[in-house]
Amino acid sequence: MQDSHSRVYAAIAAIPPGRVASYGAIAARAGLPGRARLVGKLLGEVPDGMELPWFRVLRASGEIALPKGSRGFREQVQRLRAEGVEVKNGRVALSAFGLDANLDRALWGMP
């Protein structure tokens, strides 16, 4: 596995329960700014046996990227709500549940 791919998976794994992050925020955290599409691609190629909180990754608008009404969409909504994340019309308020611009502070409690 490429180092950049490992960093993306590590950034996704580090999203705490009850919080969400955009594809772009994950790319930036992995040291790959501007590579949001790569994050989406890698989520579709998670190696067998790797458990990731994929459902915590959303579009920059806070929208769920999966087609509304699809099985994956319903599962993502269910998993987010189980963690206390409010989902309205397939969207999460990033101002309330998203990681702020300083991901180190949000993830690790650093000032």
Protein backbone atom coordinates (compact mmCIF):
# COMPACT_ATOMS: atom_id res chain seq x y z
CA MET A 1 0.00 0.00 0.00
CA GLN A 2 1.30 3.46 -0.88
CA ASP A 3 2.24 5.78 1.97
CA SER A 4 -0.27 8.39 0.79
CA HIS A 5 -3.04 5.79 0.91
CA SER A 6 -2.03 4.77 4.43
CA ARG A 7 -2.17 8.42 5.53
CA VAL A 8 -5.68 8.82 4.09
CA TYR A 9 -6.90 5.71 5.89
CA ALA A 10 -5.27 6.88 9.14
CA ALA A 11 -6.97 10.27 8.86
CA ILE A 12 -10.36 8.62 8.36
CA ALA A 13 -9.77 6.24 11.26
CA ALA A 14 -8.96 9.23 13.50
CA ILE A 15 -12.33 10.96 13.06
CA PRO A 16 -13.86 10.74 16.54
CA PRO A 17 -17.36 9.37 17.11
CA GLY A 18 -20.04 12.03 16.80
CA ARG A 19 -17.95 14.12 14.39
CA VAL A 20 -17.69 14.22 10.61
CA ALA A 21 -15.12 15.45 8.10
CA SER A 22 -15.24 16.33 4.44
CA TYR A 23 -13.32 14.47 1.77
CA GLY A 24 -11.18 17.58 1.35
CA ALA A 25 -10.44 17.86 5.07
CA ILE A 26 -9.29 14.24 5.12
CA ALA A 27 -7.06 14.85 2.10
CA ALA A 28 -5.51 17.88 3.79
CA ARG A 29 -4.98 15.95 7.04
CA ALA A 30 -3.22 13.23 5.03
CA GLY A 31 -0.90 15.83 3.51
CA LEU A 32 -2.66 15.73 0.16
CA PRO A 33 -4.48 19.08 -0.13
CA GLY A 34 -6.76 19.27 -3.15
CA ARG A 35 -7.04 15.48 -3.43
CA ALA A 36 -10.62 15.05 -2.14
CA ARG A 37 -11.45 12.76 -5.07
CA LEU A 38 -8.61 10.46 -4.11
CA VAL A 39 -10.18 10.11 -0.66
CA GLY A 40 -13.47 9.06 -2.25
CA LYS A 41 -11.68 6.61 -4.52
CA LEU A 42 -9.79 5.06 -1.61
CA LEU A 43 -12.98 4.69 0.42
CA GLY A 44 -14.25 2.53 -2.43
CA GLU A 45 -11.08 0.42 -2.30
CA VAL A 46 -10.64 -0.24 1.42
CA PRO A 47 -8.45 -3.33 1.85
CA ASP A 48 -10.14 -6.48 3.13
CA GLY A 49 -10.21 -6.62 6.89
CA MET A 50 -9.68 -2.89 7.40
CA GLU A 51 -12.45 -1.32 9.48
CA LEU A 52 -12.96 2.39 8.87
CA PRO A 53 -15.66 4.83 10.01
CA TRP A 54 -16.46 5.58 6.35
CA PHE A 55 -19.83 6.97 7.31
CA ARG A 56 -18.18 10.00 8.99
CA VAL A 57 -16.89 11.32 5.64
CA LEU A 58 -19.14 13.76 3.79
CA ARG A 59 -19.08 16.28 0.97
CA ALA A 60 -17.74 19.76 1.75
CA SER A 61 -21.37 20.95 1.95
CA GLY A 62 -22.11 18.42 4.68
CA GLU A 63 -24.15 16.28 2.31
CA ILE A 64 -23.99 12.51 2.18
CA ALA A 65 -22.42 11.61 -1.16
CA LEU A 66 -24.35 8.37 -1.70
CA PRO A 67 -27.59 8.53 -3.72
CA LYS A 68 -30.58 9.47 -1.55
CA GLY A 69 -32.71 6.46 -0.73
CA SER A 70 -29.98 3.94 -1.53
CA ARG A 71 -29.11 1.25 0.99
CA GLY A 72 -25.73 2.88 1.63
CA PHE A 73 -27.36 6.27 2.18
CA ARG A 74 -29.80 4.82 4.71
CA GLU A 75 -26.98 2.97 6.49
CA GLN A 76 -24.86 6.12 6.66
CA VAL A 77 -27.74 8.14 8.13
CA GLN A 78 -28.45 5.39 10.66
CA ARG A 79 -24.81 5.12 11.77
CA LEU A 80 -24.40 8.89 12.10
CA ARG A 81 -27.60 9.24 14.11
CA ALA A 82 -26.51 6.37 16.37
CA GLU A 83 -23.50 8.54 17.28
CA GLY A 84 -25.68 11.55 17.98
CA VAL A 85 -25.04 13.34 14.69
CA GLU A 86 -28.11 15.19 13.44
CA VAL A 87 -28.89 14.44 9.80
CA LYS A 88 -31.59 16.50 8.04
CA ASN A 89 -32.47 15.83 4.42
CA GLY A 90 -29.20 13.97 3.89
CA ARG A 91 -27.09 16.81 5.28
CA VAL A 92 -25.10 17.36 8.47
CA ALA A 93 -24.40 20.84 9.84
CA LEU A 94 -20.62 20.97 9.69
CA SER A 95 -20.69 23.97 12.02
CA ALA A 96 -22.08 21.69 14.73
CA PHE A 97 -20.61 18.26 13.95
CA GLY A 98 -17.69 18.87 11.61
CA LEU A 99 -14.07 19.05 12.52
CA ASP A 100 -12.98 22.67 12.55
CA ALA A 101 -10.25 24.02 10.33
CA ASN A 102 -7.61 23.12 12.90
CA LEU A 103 -7.83 19.35 12.65
CA ASP A 104 -5.00 18.73 15.10
CA ARG A 105 -6.93 20.58 17.80
CA ALA A 106 -10.20 18.85 16.92
CA LEU A 107 -8.66 15.37 16.80
CA TRP A 108 -5.97 15.53 19.44
CA GLY A 109 -7.08 18.35 21.78
CA MET A 110 -4.07 20.50 20.97
CA PRO A 111 -4.31 24.30 21.37
